N, C-alpha and C. Protein backbone atom coordinates (compact mmCIF):
# COMPACT_ATOMS: atom_id res chain seq x y z
N UNK A 1 8.34 -114.76 -80.33
CA UNK A 1 8.17 -114.87 -78.85
C UNK A 1 7.27 -112.84 -77.88
N UNK A 2 6.82 -112.85 -77.88
CA UNK A 2 6.04 -111.39 -77.42
C UNK A 2 6.53 -111.20 -76.10
N UNK A 3 6.52 -109.95 -75.72
CA UNK A 3 7.10 -109.12 -74.48
C UNK A 3 6.27 -110.23 -73.43
N UNK A 4 5.25 -109.96 -73.48
CA UNK A 4 4.40 -110.56 -72.21
C UNK A 4 3.92 -111.91 -72.31
N UNK A 5 5.01 -112.62 -73.58
CA UNK A 5 5.51 -113.96 -73.45
C UNK A 5 6.95 -114.30 -71.97
N UNK A 6 7.28 -113.38 -71.72
CA UNK A 6 8.75 -112.93 -71.56
C UNK A 6 8.97 -112.61 -70.34
N UNK A 7 7.97 -111.26 -69.62
CA UNK A 7 7.82 -110.57 -68.72
C UNK A 7 6.34 -110.88 -68.12
N UNK A 8 6.91 -110.94 -67.10
CA UNK A 8 5.36 -110.85 -66.10
C UNK A 8 4.77 -109.06 -66.16
N UNK A 9 3.06 -109.19 -66.82
CA UNK A 9 2.69 -107.80 -66.83
C UNK A 9 2.90 -106.86 -65.73
N UNK A 10 2.46 -107.83 -64.71
CA UNK A 10 2.84 -106.55 -63.70
C UNK A 10 4.32 -105.96 -63.61
N UNK A 11 5.28 -106.64 -63.17
CA UNK A 11 6.41 -105.83 -63.18
C UNK A 11 6.61 -105.20 -64.43
N UNK A 12 6.10 -105.80 -66.02
CA UNK A 12 6.57 -104.25 -66.83
C UNK A 12 5.62 -102.71 -67.02
N UNK A 13 4.09 -103.32 -65.98
CA UNK A 13 3.59 -101.89 -65.40
C UNK A 13 3.80 -100.77 -64.50
N UNK A 14 4.68 -102.01 -63.61
CA UNK A 14 5.61 -101.61 -62.49
C UNK A 14 7.00 -100.45 -63.27
N UNK A 15 7.29 -100.89 -63.55
CA UNK A 15 8.91 -100.70 -64.06
C UNK A 15 8.44 -99.45 -65.08
N UNK A 16 7.49 -99.63 -66.14
CA UNK A 16 7.07 -98.24 -66.78
C UNK A 16 6.53 -97.26 -65.48
N UNK A 17 5.60 -97.64 -64.38
CA UNK A 17 5.37 -96.51 -63.84
C UNK A 17 6.30 -96.00 -62.90
N UNK A 18 7.46 -96.07 -62.98
CA UNK A 18 8.91 -95.57 -62.55
C UNK A 18 8.80 -94.80 -63.67
N UNK A 19 9.12 -95.22 -65.13
CA UNK A 19 9.83 -94.38 -65.67
C UNK A 19 9.04 -92.76 -66.00
N UNK A 20 7.85 -93.28 -66.62
CA UNK A 20 7.06 -92.03 -65.71
C UNK A 20 7.06 -91.15 -65.33
N UNK A 21 7.07 -92.02 -63.90
CA UNK A 21 7.48 -91.16 -62.66
C UNK A 21 8.33 -90.01 -62.98
N UNK A 22 9.87 -91.16 -63.32
CA UNK A 22 10.87 -90.01 -63.37
C UNK A 22 11.38 -88.71 -64.75
N UNK A 23 10.61 -89.01 -65.55
CA UNK A 23 10.19 -88.38 -66.88
C UNK A 23 9.91 -86.85 -66.58
N UNK A 24 8.41 -87.54 -65.27
CA UNK A 24 7.83 -86.26 -65.23
C UNK A 24 8.36 -85.44 -64.33
N UNK A 25 9.25 -86.08 -63.19
CA UNK A 25 10.18 -85.39 -62.43
C UNK A 25 11.39 -84.16 -63.19
N UNK A 26 11.96 -85.27 -64.18
CA UNK A 26 13.43 -84.65 -65.23
C UNK A 26 12.89 -83.06 -66.03
N UNK A 27 11.36 -84.02 -66.47
CA UNK A 27 10.75 -83.12 -67.91
C UNK A 27 10.10 -82.05 -66.97
N UNK A 28 9.92 -81.95 -65.48
CA UNK A 28 9.35 -80.92 -64.86
C UNK A 28 7.56 -80.39 -65.43
N UNK A 29 7.32 -82.02 -65.48
CA UNK A 29 5.60 -82.21 -66.06
C UNK A 29 5.07 -82.92 -64.97
N UNK A 30 3.41 -82.75 -65.36
CA UNK A 30 2.16 -83.47 -64.64
C UNK A 30 2.37 -84.37 -65.42
N UNK A 31 2.62 -86.15 -64.20
CA UNK A 31 2.88 -86.94 -64.90
C UNK A 31 1.78 -87.73 -65.63
N UNK A 32 0.16 -87.16 -65.34
CA UNK A 32 -0.76 -87.61 -66.78
C UNK A 32 -0.51 -87.15 -67.62
N UNK A 33 0.80 -85.95 -67.87
CA UNK A 33 0.75 -85.38 -69.33
C UNK A 33 1.72 -86.81 -70.20
N UNK A 34 1.78 -87.58 -69.73
CA UNK A 34 2.40 -88.93 -70.42
C UNK A 34 2.10 -89.45 -70.45
N UNK A 35 1.78 -90.09 -72.01
CA UNK A 35 1.42 -91.66 -72.21
C UNK A 35 2.37 -92.63 -72.46
N UNK A 36 2.57 -93.65 -71.45
CA UNK A 36 3.49 -95.08 -71.65
C UNK A 36 4.06 -95.15 -72.93
N UNK A 37 2.59 -95.56 -73.73
CA UNK A 37 3.28 -95.86 -75.27
C UNK A 37 3.31 -95.16 -76.31
N UNK A 38 2.66 -93.59 -75.35
CA UNK A 38 2.66 -92.45 -77.01
C UNK A 38 3.67 -92.20 -76.58
N UNK A 39 3.47 -91.18 -75.76
CA UNK A 39 5.08 -89.83 -75.45
C UNK A 39 6.21 -90.13 -75.80
N UNK A 40 6.81 -89.13 -76.34
CA UNK A 40 8.14 -89.09 -77.30
C UNK A 40 8.65 -87.70 -76.41
N UNK A 41 9.99 -88.47 -75.55
CA UNK A 41 10.79 -88.12 -74.80
C UNK A 41 11.49 -86.54 -75.12
N UNK A 42 11.51 -86.48 -76.38
CA UNK A 42 12.47 -85.39 -76.62
C UNK A 42 10.96 -84.50 -77.34
N UNK A 43 10.28 -84.88 -77.95
CA UNK A 43 8.92 -83.73 -78.28
C UNK A 43 8.44 -83.25 -76.77
N UNK A 44 8.28 -84.25 -75.36
CA UNK A 44 7.93 -83.41 -74.42
C UNK A 44 9.04 -82.36 -74.09
N UNK A 45 10.32 -81.99 -74.22
CA UNK A 45 11.29 -81.03 -73.73
C UNK A 45 12.31 -81.95 -73.06
N UNK A 46 12.38 -83.18 -73.58
CA UNK A 46 13.70 -83.82 -72.99
C UNK A 46 15.06 -82.99 -73.88
N UNK A 47 16.78 -83.31 -73.43
CA UNK A 47 17.36 -83.50 -73.86
C UNK A 47 18.28 -84.35 -73.53
N UNK A 48 19.79 -84.50 -73.86
CA UNK A 48 21.08 -85.25 -73.78
C UNK A 48 21.94 -85.29 -72.67
N UNK A 49 20.95 -84.23 -71.93
CA UNK A 49 21.56 -84.58 -70.58
C UNK A 49 20.34 -84.75 -69.01
N UNK A 50 18.92 -84.57 -69.75
CA UNK A 50 17.83 -84.95 -69.27
C UNK A 50 17.74 -86.65 -69.86
N UNK A 51 18.29 -87.18 -70.52
CA UNK A 51 18.17 -88.69 -71.09
C UNK A 51 19.53 -89.28 -70.07
N UNK A 52 20.08 -88.42 -69.77
CA UNK A 52 21.01 -89.68 -69.02
C UNK A 52 20.64 -89.44 -66.79
N UNK A 53 20.59 -88.18 -67.19
CA UNK A 53 19.99 -88.01 -65.99
C UNK A 53 18.60 -89.47 -65.51
N UNK A 54 17.70 -89.22 -66.38
CA UNK A 54 16.48 -89.85 -66.14
C UNK A 54 17.18 -91.75 -65.88
N UNK A 55 18.08 -92.11 -66.85
CA UNK A 55 18.57 -93.14 -66.99
C UNK A 55 19.24 -93.56 -65.95
N UNK A 56 20.18 -93.04 -65.34
CA UNK A 56 20.72 -93.19 -64.24
C UNK A 56 19.86 -93.03 -63.44
N UNK A 57 18.85 -92.78 -62.52
CA UNK A 57 17.65 -92.51 -62.04
C UNK A 57 17.00 -93.93 -61.66
N UNK A 58 16.51 -94.60 -62.79
CA UNK A 58 15.91 -95.25 -63.51
C UNK A 58 16.57 -97.01 -62.91
N UNK A 59 18.14 -97.01 -62.90
CA UNK A 59 18.90 -97.80 -62.68
C UNK A 59 19.33 -97.82 -61.49
N UNK A 60 19.38 -96.33 -60.20
CA UNK A 60 19.26 -96.94 -59.03
C UNK A 60 18.30 -97.10 -58.48
N UNK A 61 16.67 -96.64 -58.43
CA UNK A 61 15.50 -97.30 -58.92
C UNK A 61 15.30 -98.93 -58.49
N UNK A 62 15.60 -99.05 -59.52
CA UNK A 62 16.51 -101.17 -59.64
C UNK A 62 16.63 -101.74 -59.00
N UNK A 63 18.03 -100.40 -58.06
CA UNK A 63 19.07 -101.79 -57.76
C UNK A 63 19.72 -102.18 -58.48
N UNK A 64 20.39 -101.82 -59.22
CA UNK A 64 21.34 -102.13 -60.75
C UNK A 64 22.50 -101.48 -59.79
N UNK A 65 23.63 -102.25 -60.12
CA UNK A 65 24.89 -101.76 -59.00
C UNK A 65 25.59 -101.12 -61.10
N UNK A 66 26.59 -100.07 -59.96
CA UNK A 66 27.18 -99.53 -61.12
C UNK A 66 28.42 -99.91 -61.86
N UNK A 67 28.72 -101.27 -62.02
CA UNK A 67 29.39 -102.26 -63.45
C UNK A 67 28.09 -102.47 -64.48
N UNK A 68 27.55 -103.67 -63.37
CA UNK A 68 25.93 -104.27 -64.30
C UNK A 68 25.46 -102.49 -65.19
N UNK A 69 25.30 -101.75 -64.39
CA UNK A 69 24.65 -100.70 -64.76
C UNK A 69 24.93 -99.78 -65.69
N UNK A 70 26.70 -99.45 -66.50
CA UNK A 70 27.34 -99.44 -67.72
C UNK A 70 27.11 -99.85 -68.45
N UNK A 71 26.56 -101.65 -68.93
CA UNK A 71 26.04 -102.01 -69.83
C UNK A 71 24.91 -101.28 -70.43
N UNK A 72 24.07 -101.11 -69.61
CA UNK A 72 22.54 -101.05 -69.31
C UNK A 72 22.06 -99.78 -70.10
N UNK A 73 23.38 -99.36 -69.27
CA UNK A 73 23.10 -97.21 -69.83
C UNK A 73 23.61 -97.45 -70.76
N UNK A 74 24.09 -98.02 -71.30
CA UNK A 74 24.23 -97.95 -73.67
C UNK A 74 23.02 -98.39 -74.19
N UNK A 75 22.50 -99.60 -73.47
CA UNK A 75 21.16 -100.01 -74.48
C UNK A 75 20.13 -99.36 -74.23
N UNK A 76 20.02 -98.87 -73.19
CA UNK A 76 19.00 -97.41 -72.69
C UNK A 76 18.69 -96.64 -73.75
N UNK A 77 20.76 -95.94 -73.60
CA UNK A 77 20.51 -94.42 -74.10
C UNK A 77 19.96 -95.22 -75.50
N UNK A 78 20.10 -96.10 -76.45
CA UNK A 78 20.45 -96.21 -77.87
C UNK A 78 18.79 -96.65 -77.98
N UNK A 79 18.06 -96.83 -77.06
CA UNK A 79 16.53 -97.75 -77.03
C UNK A 79 16.27 -96.14 -77.41
N UNK A 80 16.25 -95.41 -76.83
CA UNK A 80 15.58 -94.05 -76.14
C UNK A 80 15.65 -93.41 -77.34
N UNK A 81 16.93 -93.31 -78.18
CA UNK A 81 16.93 -92.55 -79.38
C UNK A 81 16.23 -93.38 -80.25
N UNK A 82 15.96 -94.33 -80.45
CA UNK A 82 15.30 -95.38 -81.49
C UNK A 82 13.58 -94.64 -80.85
N UNK A 83 13.51 -95.28 -79.65
CA UNK A 83 11.96 -95.91 -79.42
C UNK A 83 11.36 -95.01 -78.01
N UNK A 84 11.43 -93.28 -78.58
CA UNK A 84 11.52 -92.62 -77.16
C UNK A 84 9.94 -92.78 -76.29
N UNK A 85 9.88 -93.65 -76.45
CA UNK A 85 8.88 -93.41 -74.95
C UNK A 85 9.12 -94.47 -73.48
N UNK A 86 8.16 -94.25 -72.42
CA UNK A 86 8.48 -94.40 -71.31
C UNK A 86 8.51 -96.60 -71.35
N UNK A 87 7.52 -96.85 -72.11
CA UNK A 87 6.77 -98.10 -72.59
C UNK A 87 8.57 -98.61 -72.90
N UNK A 88 8.71 -98.48 -73.60
CA UNK A 88 10.07 -99.11 -74.36
C UNK A 88 11.34 -98.96 -73.38
N UNK A 89 11.54 -97.55 -72.76
CA UNK A 89 12.27 -97.87 -71.48
C UNK A 89 12.67 -98.82 -70.65
N UNK A 90 11.34 -98.76 -70.17
CA UNK A 90 11.08 -100.29 -69.38
C UNK A 90 10.89 -101.68 -69.88
N UNK A 91 10.47 -101.51 -71.07
CA UNK A 91 10.70 -103.52 -72.07
C UNK A 91 11.81 -103.21 -72.37
N UNK A 92 12.92 -102.15 -72.32
CA UNK A 92 14.61 -102.22 -72.73
C UNK A 92 15.09 -102.90 -71.68
N UNK A 93 15.20 -102.17 -70.28
CA UNK A 93 15.20 -102.18 -68.57
C UNK A 93 15.00 -103.63 -68.91
N UNK A 94 14.19 -104.36 -68.70
CA UNK A 94 13.97 -105.25 -68.52
C UNK A 94 14.28 -107.09 -69.76
N UNK A 95 14.19 -106.71 -70.39
CA UNK A 95 14.41 -107.86 -71.38
C UNK A 95 16.13 -107.92 -71.29
N UNK A 96 16.66 -106.75 -71.35
CA UNK A 96 18.49 -106.42 -71.20
C UNK A 96 18.55 -107.30 -69.39
N UNK A 97 18.34 -107.26 -68.35
CA UNK A 97 18.46 -107.59 -67.04
C UNK A 97 18.40 -109.11 -67.40
N UNK A 98 17.03 -109.64 -67.61
CA UNK A 98 16.91 -110.83 -68.04
C UNK A 98 18.57 -111.65 -69.07
N UNK A 99 18.61 -111.06 -69.75
CA UNK A 99 19.66 -111.86 -70.67
C UNK A 99 21.27 -111.66 -69.43
N UNK A 100 20.65 -110.45 -68.72
CA UNK A 100 22.54 -110.51 -68.08
C UNK A 100 21.92 -111.25 -66.97
N UNK A 101 21.13 -111.69 -67.16
CA UNK A 101 20.60 -112.77 -64.87
C UNK A 101 22.15 -113.73 -65.14
């Protein structure tokens, strides 16, 4: 089953755009410098504290409770080290929010 089968494409694009916005802010780079499917968070200057900051902001933006956010934070952190792209972060968040719902 593909991701497109599971998630509404518009929602995925919306969350991916939000991740790009957050990354641009925490990395202090222009949003246009980030390709959601190709740009690597760490190659753009990201490091561990910025990872945590960006994940925390994403969870707050999505209105995720602190309790639910603790588990998602760990999942997003692991995903970022494995696939450090904005699109992968958005997909991971949506996939795991669906499982917990």
